[in-house]
Amino acid sequence: MSKFSVVLLTVGVGAGLDAGGALVKVDGRECLLRSVELFLNRDNIAQIQLVVLPAAMEEAKRKFGGHLGFSGVKLVSGGPMWTDQMAAAAEKVSAECSHVLVHDAARPAVAYSDIDALMAEAAKRPIVALATVLRATIAQVDDLGNALSLGPPQGFMQVVTPWAIAREKFLELAKAKREPEAREITLLRGSPLNIRVNGTGDAALAKVMIGMLPKPKIRAADNPFEEAQW
């Protein structure tokens, strides 16, 4: 069985995405905490790292250190770009892990089944990324947001996270601090509920999306004493 190290980035994966969304509260809890919980209690995940900007490290320790420590999540300092955060996490990827899951911590609404499918596909390709289908006309815009051209959504997909990357490929990308090229990525169609929280205005929508996600099957207790402790 493949073993995975999870790297949660607070600077969004993509151009122009900042760290703000990861700290937005959705139904009373920060996105980054909700994103961490997507990967807990999985037998094939051996390690979880949450990477925050250096300037936010002390506050992150104060606010989240206890919760993360109890869950076995390590706080790492890195930035300002998402490739810098990958490089910071690469230094601490466990030797027992064959793959790395890279996830934007501002995306708390990921279907449990999408993560299962992503990890299954990871054994076949060096980089696999979740992607969602576009359903409306797309517009090319200039720097001011003015429309330059319109086009049909067919032939385009929105690349989201998490991504599953083979360990050696992840270390290669992190060392060079480069983004993967399109030809290196295999796209895996995922749920359209996987939205990014870019600010407080997205919190209500994210809450609805999380509520619509299919629920994972709960493992039955091995014995009545195990069940009683909860």
C-alpha atoms as a PDB file:
ATOM      1  CA  MET A   1       0.000   0.000   0.000  1.00  0.00           C
ATOM      2  CA  SER A   2       1.214   3.512  -0.852  1.00  0.00           C
ATOM      3  CA  LYS A   3       1.911   5.770   2.105  1.00  0.00           C
ATOM      4  CA  PHE A   4       1.113   9.464   1.875  1.00  0.00           C
ATOM      5  CA  SER A   5       2.492  12.613   3.432  1.00  0.00           C
ATOM      6  CA  VAL A   6      -0.007  15.482   3.387  1.00  0.00           C
ATOM      7  CA  VAL A   7       1.216  19.045   2.822  1.00  0.00           C
ATOM      8  CA  LEU A   8      -1.391  21.727   3.499  1.00  0.00           C
ATOM      9  CA  LEU A   9      -0.499  25.110   2.021  1.00  0.00           C
ATOM     10  CA  THR A  10      -1.937  28.370   3.306  1.00  0.00           C
ATOM     11  CA  VAL A  11      -0.831  30.230   0.186  1.00  0.00           C
ATOM     12  CA  GLY A  12      -3.209  29.014  -2.499  1.00  0.00           C
ATOM     13  CA  VAL A  13      -2.049  26.715  -5.280  1.00  0.00           C
ATOM     14  CA  GLY A  14      -2.221  29.019  -8.291  1.00  0.00           C
ATOM     15  CA  ALA A  15      -1.366  32.531  -9.343  1.00  0.00           C
ATOM     16  CA  GLY A  16      -2.824  35.380  -7.328  1.00  0.00           C
ATOM     17  CA  LEU A  17      -4.145  33.273  -4.430  1.00  0.00           C
ATOM     18  CA  ASP A  18      -3.099  34.445  -0.971  1.00  0.00           C
ATOM     19  CA  ALA A  19      -3.171  33.054   2.555  1.00  0.00           C
ATOM     20  CA  GLY A  20      -6.330  34.861   3.669  1.00  0.00           C
ATOM     21  CA  GLY A  21      -8.826  32.157   2.789  1.00  0.00           C
ATOM     22  CA  ALA A  22      -7.252  29.496   4.987  1.00  0.00           C
ATOM     23  CA  LEU A  23      -8.008  31.587   8.085  1.00  0.00           C
ATOM     24  CA  VAL A  24     -11.641  32.363   7.269  1.00  0.00           C
ATOM     25  CA  LYS A  25     -14.065  30.744   9.692  1.00  0.00           C
ATOM     26  CA  VAL A  26     -16.722  28.488   8.162  1.00  0.00           C
ATOM     27  CA  ASP A  27     -19.489  27.724  10.637  1.00  0.00           C
ATOM     28  CA  GLY A  28     -17.240  28.786  13.516  1.00  0.00           C
ATOM     29  CA  ARG A  29     -14.016  26.972  12.547  1.00  0.00           C
ATOM     30  CA  GLU A  30     -11.123  28.070  10.354  1.00  0.00           C
ATOM     31  CA  CYS A  31     -10.809  26.533   6.900  1.00  0.00           C
ATOM     32  CA  LEU A  32      -7.331  25.260   7.673  1.00  0.00           C
ATOM     33  CA  LEU A  33      -8.661  23.162  10.582  1.00  0.00           C
ATOM     34  CA  ARG A  34     -11.440  21.777   8.429  1.00  0.00           C
ATOM     35  CA  SER A  35      -8.911  20.961   5.708  1.00  0.00           C
ATOM     36  CA  VAL A  36      -6.682  19.129   8.188  1.00  0.00           C
ATOM     37  CA  GLU A  37      -9.633  16.961   9.216  1.00  0.00           C
ATOM     38  CA  LEU A  38     -10.103  15.753   5.618  1.00  0.00           C
ATOM     39  CA  PHE A  39      -6.963  13.655   6.027  1.00  0.00           C
ATOM     40  CA  LEU A  40      -7.209  12.400   9.609  1.00  0.00           C
ATOM     41  CA  ASN A  41      -7.972   8.774  10.522  1.00  0.00           C
ATOM     42  CA  ARG A  42      -6.758   7.310   7.230  1.00  0.00           C
ATOM     43  CA  ASP A  43      -4.517   4.262   7.486  1.00  0.00           C
ATOM     44  CA  ASN A  44      -2.419   5.178   4.432  1.00  0.00           C
ATOM     45  CA  ILE A  45      -1.625   8.717   5.598  1.00  0.00           C
ATOM     46  CA  ALA A  46       1.525   8.711   7.701  1.00  0.00           C
ATOM     47  CA  GLN A  47       2.157  12.427   8.145  1.00  0.00           C
ATOM     48  CA  ILE A  48       0.416  15.805   7.915  1.00  0.00           C
ATOM     49  CA  GLN A  49       2.205  19.150   7.687  1.00  0.00           C
ATOM     50  CA  LEU A  50       0.533  22.569   7.726  1.00  0.00           C
ATOM     51  CA  VAL A  51       2.696  25.306   6.216  1.00  0.00           C
ATOM     52  CA  VAL A  52       2.098  28.923   7.268  1.00  0.00           C
ATOM     53  CA  LEU A  53       3.802  32.168   6.333  1.00  0.00           C
ATOM     54  CA  PRO A  54       6.811  33.026   8.548  1.00  0.00           C
ATOM     55  CA  ALA A  55       5.102  36.197   9.800  1.00  0.00           C
ATOM     56  CA  ALA A  56       2.087  34.136  10.919  1.00  0.00           C
ATOM     57  CA  MET A  57       3.997  31.325  12.609  1.00  0.00           C
ATOM     58  CA  GLU A  58       3.829  32.557  16.211  1.00  0.00           C
ATOM     59  CA  GLU A  59       0.134  33.339  15.996  1.00  0.00           C
ATOM     60  CA  ALA A  60      -0.524  29.944  14.381  1.00  0.00           C
ATOM     61  CA  LYS A  61       1.284  28.204  17.240  1.00  0.00           C
ATOM     62  CA  ARG A  62      -0.739  30.162  19.781  1.00  0.00           C
ATOM     63  CA  LYS A  63      -4.133  29.646  18.122  1.00  0.00           C
ATOM     64  CA  PHE A  64      -3.805  26.188  16.622  1.00  0.00           C
ATOM     65  CA  GLY A  65      -0.747  24.551  18.174  1.00  0.00           C
ATOM     66  CA  GLY A  66      -2.634  22.588  20.808  1.00  0.00           C
ATOM     67  CA  HIS A  67      -5.319  21.323  18.428  1.00  0.00           C
ATOM     68  CA  LEU A  68      -2.821  20.402  15.722  1.00  0.00           C
ATOM     69  CA  GLY A  69      -0.411  18.782  18.149  1.00  0.00           C
ATOM     70  CA  PHE A  70      -3.178  16.573  19.541  1.00  0.00           C
ATOM     71  CA  SER A  71      -3.932  15.433  15.972  1.00  0.00           C
ATOM     72  CA  GLY A  72      -0.265  14.826  15.178  1.00  0.00           C
ATOM     73  CA  VAL A  73      -0.064  17.675  12.661  1.00  0.00           C
ATOM     74  CA  LYS A  74       3.260  19.524  12.340  1.00  0.00           C
ATOM     75  CA  LEU A  75       3.406  23.288  11.822  1.00  0.00           C
ATOM     76  CA  VAL A  76       6.017  24.425   9.283  1.00  0.00           C
ATOM     77  CA  SER A  77       7.095  27.946   8.310  1.00  0.00           C
ATOM     78  CA  GLY A  78       7.433  28.827   4.623  1.00  0.00           C
ATOM     79  CA  GLY A  79       6.535  31.336   1.921  1.00  0.00           C
ATOM     80  CA  PRO A  80       5.727  33.758   0.411  1.00  0.00           C
ATOM     81  CA  MET A  81       4.835  31.692  -2.704  1.00  0.00           C
ATOM     82  CA  TRP A  82       3.153  28.274  -2.714  1.00  0.00           C
ATOM     83  CA  THR A  83       6.251  26.780  -4.286  1.00  0.00           C
ATOM     84  CA  ASP A  84       8.246  28.147  -1.317  1.00  0.00           C
ATOM     85  CA  GLN A  85       5.822  26.433   1.040  1.00  0.00           C
ATOM     86  CA  MET A  86       6.272  23.166  -0.837  1.00  0.00           C
ATOM     87  CA  ALA A  87      10.046  23.531  -0.497  1.00  0.00           C
ATOM     88  CA  ALA A  88       9.757  24.117   3.271  1.00  0.00           C
ATOM     89  CA  ALA A  89       7.636  20.991   3.705  1.00  0.00           C
ATOM     90  CA  ALA A  90       9.886  18.873   1.465  1.00  0.00           C
ATOM     91  CA  GLU A  91      12.677  19.014   4.033  1.00  0.00           C
ATOM     92  CA  LYS A  92      10.465  17.140   6.505  1.00  0.00           C
ATOM     93  CA  VAL A  93       8.657  14.597   4.320  1.00  0.00           C
ATOM     94  CA  SER A  94       8.844  11.234   6.067  1.00  0.00           C
ATOM     95  CA  ALA A  95      11.083   8.620   4.460  1.00  0.00           C
ATOM     96  CA  GLU A  96       8.302   6.027   4.730  1.00  0.00           C
ATOM     97  CA  CYS A  97       6.035   7.987   2.377  1.00  0.00           C
ATOM     98  CA  SER A  98       5.899   7.085  -1.308  1.00  0.00           C
ATOM     99  CA  HIS A  99       3.620   9.996  -2.267  1.00  0.00           C
ATOM    100  CA  VAL A 100       2.722  13.504  -1.182  1.00  0.00           C
ATOM    101  CA  LEU A 101      -0.772  15.001  -1.170  1.00  0.00           C
ATOM    102  CA  VAL A 102      -0.620  18.766  -1.716  1.00  0.00           C
ATOM    103  CA  HIS A 103      -3.741  20.662  -0.689  1.00  0.00           C
ATOM    104  CA  ASP A 104      -4.800  24.293  -0.515  1.00  0.00           C
ATOM    105  CA  ALA A 105      -5.954  24.781   3.086  1.00  0.00           C
ATOM    106  CA  ALA A 106      -8.610  27.240   1.889  1.00  0.00           C
ATOM    107  CA  ARG A 107     -10.494  24.342   0.235  1.00  0.00           C
ATOM    108  CA  PRO A 108     -12.424  22.662   3.075  1.00  0.00           C
ATOM    109  CA  ALA A 109     -15.178  21.101   0.915  1.00  0.00           C
ATOM    110  CA  VAL A 110     -13.521  18.033  -0.610  1.00  0.00           C
ATOM    111  CA  ALA A 111     -15.475  14.820  -1.011  1.00  0.00           C
ATOM    112  CA  TYR A 112     -14.052  11.902   0.966  1.00  0.00           C
ATOM    113  CA  SER A 113     -14.527   9.713  -2.133  1.00  0.00           C
ATOM    114  CA  ASP A 114     -12.507  12.149  -4.261  1.00  0.00           C
ATOM    115  CA  ILE A 115      -9.533  11.770  -1.912  1.00  0.00           C
ATOM    116  CA  ASP A 116      -9.923   7.975  -2.055  1.00  0.00           C
ATOM    117  CA  ALA A 117      -9.961   8.049  -5.856  1.00  0.00           C
ATOM    118  CA  LEU A 118      -6.979  10.402  -5.994  1.00  0.00           C
ATOM    119  CA  MET A 119      -4.860   8.159  -3.784  1.00  0.00           C
ATOM    120  CA  ALA A 120      -5.807   5.096  -5.839  1.00  0.00           C
ATOM    121  CA  GLU A 121      -4.807   6.836  -9.079  1.00  0.00           C
ATOM    122  CA  ALA A 122      -1.523   8.082  -7.591  1.00  0.00           C
ATOM    123  CA  ALA A 123       0.086   4.659  -8.026  1.00  0.00           C
ATOM    124  CA  LYS A 124      -0.286   4.976 -11.812  1.00  0.00           C
ATOM    125  CA  ARG A 125       0.876   8.553 -12.535  1.00  0.00           C
ATOM    126  CA  PRO A 126       3.607  10.875 -11.175  1.00  0.00           C
ATOM    127  CA  ILE A 127       1.175  13.785 -10.660  1.00  0.00           C
ATOM    128  CA  VAL A 128      -2.604  13.506 -10.385  1.00  0.00           C
ATOM    129  CA  ALA A 129      -4.750  16.580  -9.727  1.00  0.00           C
ATOM    130  CA  LEU A 130      -8.445  16.899  -9.016  1.00  0.00           C
ATOM    131  CA  ALA A 131     -10.298  18.998 -11.559  1.00  0.00           C
ATOM    132  CA  THR A 132     -13.893  20.139 -11.956  1.00  0.00           C
ATOM    133  CA  VAL A 133     -15.955  20.676 -15.099  1.00  0.00           C
ATOM    134  CA  LEU A 134     -16.825  24.209 -16.161  1.00  0.00           C
ATOM    135  CA  ARG A 135     -20.520  24.665 -16.933  1.00  0.00           C
ATOM    136  CA  ALA A 136     -20.784  28.248 -18.193  1.00  0.00           C
ATOM    137  CA  THR A 137     -19.279  30.512 -20.836  1.00  0.00           C
ATOM    138  CA  ILE A 138     -15.726  31.529 -19.972  1.00  0.00           C
ATOM    139  CA  ALA A 139     -14.252  34.988 -20.573  1.00  0.00           C
ATOM    140  CA  GLN A 140     -10.663  36.035 -21.154  1.00  0.00           C
ATOM    141  CA  VAL A 141     -10.092  39.324 -19.316  1.00  0.00           C
ATOM    142  CA  ASP A 142      -7.410  41.983 -19.069  1.00  0.00           C
ATOM    143  CA  ASP A 143      -5.690  43.222 -15.896  1.00  0.00           C
ATOM    144  CA  LEU A 144      -8.686  45.418 -15.064  1.00  0.00           C
ATOM    145  CA  GLY A 145     -11.237  42.638 -15.460  1.00  0.00           C
ATOM    146  CA  ASN A 146     -12.559  43.801 -18.816  1.00  0.00           C
ATOM    147  CA  ALA A 147     -13.724  41.032 -21.148  1.00  0.00           C
ATOM    148  CA  LEU A 148     -11.467  40.446 -24.146  1.00  0.00           C
ATOM    149  CA  SER A 149     -13.119  37.339 -25.592  1.00  0.00           C
ATOM    150  CA  LEU A 150     -15.781  34.777 -24.766  1.00  0.00           C
ATOM    151  CA  GLY A 151     -15.642  31.031 -25.262  1.00  0.00           C
ATOM    152  CA  PRO A 152     -17.540  27.826 -24.534  1.00  0.00           C
ATOM    153  CA  PRO A 153     -16.603  25.828 -21.415  1.00  0.00           C
ATOM    154  CA  GLN A 154     -15.956  22.656 -23.416  1.00  0.00           C
ATOM    155  CA  GLY A 155     -12.251  21.914 -23.619  1.00  0.00           C
ATOM    156  CA  PHE A 156     -11.498  23.523 -20.249  1.00  0.00           C
ATOM    157  CA  MET A 157     -11.471  22.256 -16.661  1.00  0.00           C
ATOM    158  CA  GLN A 158     -10.747  24.010 -13.370  1.00  0.00           C
ATOM    159  CA  VAL A 159      -7.757  22.478 -11.611  1.00  0.00           C
ATOM    160  CA  VAL A 160      -8.340  22.234  -7.859  1.00  0.00           C
ATOM    161  CA  THR A 161      -6.618  20.432  -4.999  1.00  0.00           C
ATOM    162  CA  PRO A 162      -5.580  18.076  -3.551  1.00  0.00           C
ATOM    163  CA  TRP A 163      -2.874  16.849  -5.901  1.00  0.00           C
ATOM    164  CA  ALA A 164      -1.138  13.498  -5.458  1.00  0.00           C
ATOM    165  CA  ILE A 165       2.547  13.618  -6.362  1.00  0.00           C
ATOM    166  CA  ALA A 166       5.063  10.781  -6.321  1.00  0.00           C
ATOM    167  CA  ARG A 167       7.679  11.440  -3.654  1.00  0.00           C
ATOM    168  CA  GLU A 168      10.654  11.871  -6.019  1.00  0.00           C
ATOM    169  CA  LYS A 169       8.674  14.162  -8.331  1.00  0.00           C
ATOM    170  CA  PHE A 170       7.533  16.246  -5.355  1.00  0.00           C
ATOM    171  CA  LEU A 171      11.097  16.619  -4.099  1.00  0.00           C
ATOM    172  CA  GLU A 172      12.233  17.576  -7.605  1.00  0.00           C
ATOM    173  CA  LEU A 173       9.554  20.279  -7.921  1.00  0.00           C
ATOM    174  CA  ALA A 174      10.184  21.561  -4.402  1.00  0.00           C
ATOM    175  CA  LYS A 175      13.938  21.797  -4.868  1.00  0.00           C
ATOM    176  CA  ALA A 176      13.531  23.764  -8.100  1.00  0.00           C
ATOM    177  CA  LYS A 177      10.599  25.752  -6.645  1.00  0.00           C
ATOM    178  CA  ARG A 178       8.737  25.322  -9.901  1.00  0.00           C
ATOM    179  CA  GLU A 179       5.165  24.571 -10.852  1.00  0.00           C
ATOM    180  CA  PRO A 180       4.532  21.350 -12.789  1.00  0.00           C
ATOM    181  CA  GLU A 181       3.906  21.718 -16.487  1.00  0.00           C
ATOM    182  CA  ALA A 182       0.526  20.789 -17.924  1.00  0.00           C
ATOM    183  CA  ARG A 183       1.950  17.736 -19.697  1.00  0.00           C
ATOM    184  CA  GLU A 184       3.131  16.349 -16.333  1.00  0.00           C
ATOM    185  CA  ILE A 185      -0.337  16.361 -14.762  1.00  0.00           C
ATOM    186  CA  THR A 186      -3.102  13.783 -15.055  1.00  0.00           C
ATOM    187  CA  LEU A 187      -6.520  15.266 -14.294  1.00  0.00           C
ATOM    188  CA  LEU A 188      -9.064  13.345 -12.232  1.00  0.00           C
ATOM    189  CA  ARG A 189     -12.610  14.634 -12.323  1.00  0.00           C
ATOM    190  CA  GLY A 190     -13.852  15.601  -8.865  1.00  0.00           C
ATOM    191  CA  SER A 191     -16.906  17.057  -7.177  1.00  0.00           C
ATOM    192  CA  PRO A 192     -17.943  20.618  -8.156  1.00  0.00           C
ATOM    193  CA  LEU A 193     -18.565  21.278  -4.434  1.00  0.00           C
ATOM    194  CA  ASN A 194     -14.786  21.742  -4.037  1.00  0.00           C
ATOM    195  CA  ILE A 195     -14.703  25.541  -3.891  1.00  0.00           C
ATOM    196  CA  ARG A 196     -11.984  27.842  -2.594  1.00  0.00           C
ATOM    197  CA  VAL A 197     -12.728  30.250   0.234  1.00  0.00           C
ATOM    198  CA  ASN A 198     -11.095  33.525  -0.809  1.00  0.00           C
ATOM    199  CA  GLY A 199     -12.621  35.708   1.892  1.00  0.00           C
ATOM    200  CA  THR A 200     -15.354  35.998   4.496  1.00  0.00           C
ATOM    201  CA  GLY A 201     -17.972  36.438   1.767  1.00  0.00           C
ATOM    202  CA  ASP A 202     -17.451  32.805   0.749  1.00  0.00           C
ATOM    203  CA  ALA A 203     -17.991  31.355   4.237  1.00  0.00           C
ATOM    204  CA  ALA A 204     -21.751  30.832   3.944  1.00  0.00           C
ATOM    205  CA  LEU A 205     -21.399  29.138   0.555  1.00  0.00           C
ATOM    206  CA  ALA A 206     -18.623  26.872   1.858  1.00  0.00           C
ATOM    207  CA  LYS A 207     -20.846  25.841   4.772  1.00  0.00           C
ATOM    208  CA  VAL A 208     -23.562  24.793   2.336  1.00  0.00           C
ATOM    209  CA  MET A 209     -21.071  22.893   0.168  1.00  0.00           C
ATOM    210  CA  ILE A 210     -19.662  21.004   3.159  1.00  0.00           C
ATOM    211  CA  GLY A 211     -23.177  20.056   4.200  1.00  0.00           C
ATOM    212  CA  MET A 212     -23.844  18.596   0.734  1.00  0.00           C
ATOM    213  CA  LEU A 213     -20.734  16.391   0.666  1.00  0.00           C
ATOM    214  CA  PRO A 214     -21.287  12.619   0.802  1.00  0.00           C
ATOM    215  CA  LYS A 215     -20.440  11.337   4.272  1.00  0.00           C
ATOM    216  CA  PRO A 216     -17.701   8.721   4.708  1.00  0.00           C
ATOM    217  CA  LYS A 217     -18.682   5.334   6.057  1.00  0.00           C
ATOM    218  CA  ILE A 218     -17.974   5.152   9.784  1.00  0.00           C
ATOM    219  CA  ARG A 219     -15.889   2.163  10.822  1.00  0.00           C
ATOM    220  CA  ALA A 220     -17.700  -0.006  13.333  1.00  0.00           C
ATOM    221  CA  ALA A 221     -16.089  -0.276  16.751  1.00  0.00           C
ATOM    222  CA  ASP A 222     -13.960  -3.403  17.193  1.00  0.00           C
ATOM    223  CA  ASN A 223     -15.340  -3.924  20.683  1.00  0.00           C
ATOM    224  CA  PRO A 224     -17.846  -2.254  23.046  1.00  0.00           C
ATOM    225  CA  PHE A 225     -15.058  -0.695  25.121  1.00  0.00           C
ATOM    226  CA  GLU A 226     -13.718   1.176  22.077  1.00  0.00           C
ATOM    227  CA  GLU A 227     -17.192   2.505  21.325  1.00  0.00           C
ATOM    228  CA  ALA A 228     -17.767   3.542  24.927  1.00  0.00           C
ATOM    229  CA  GLN A 229     -14.718   5.823  25.063  1.00  0.00           C
ATOM    230  CA  TRP A 230     -16.370   8.162  22.560  1.00  0.00           C
END
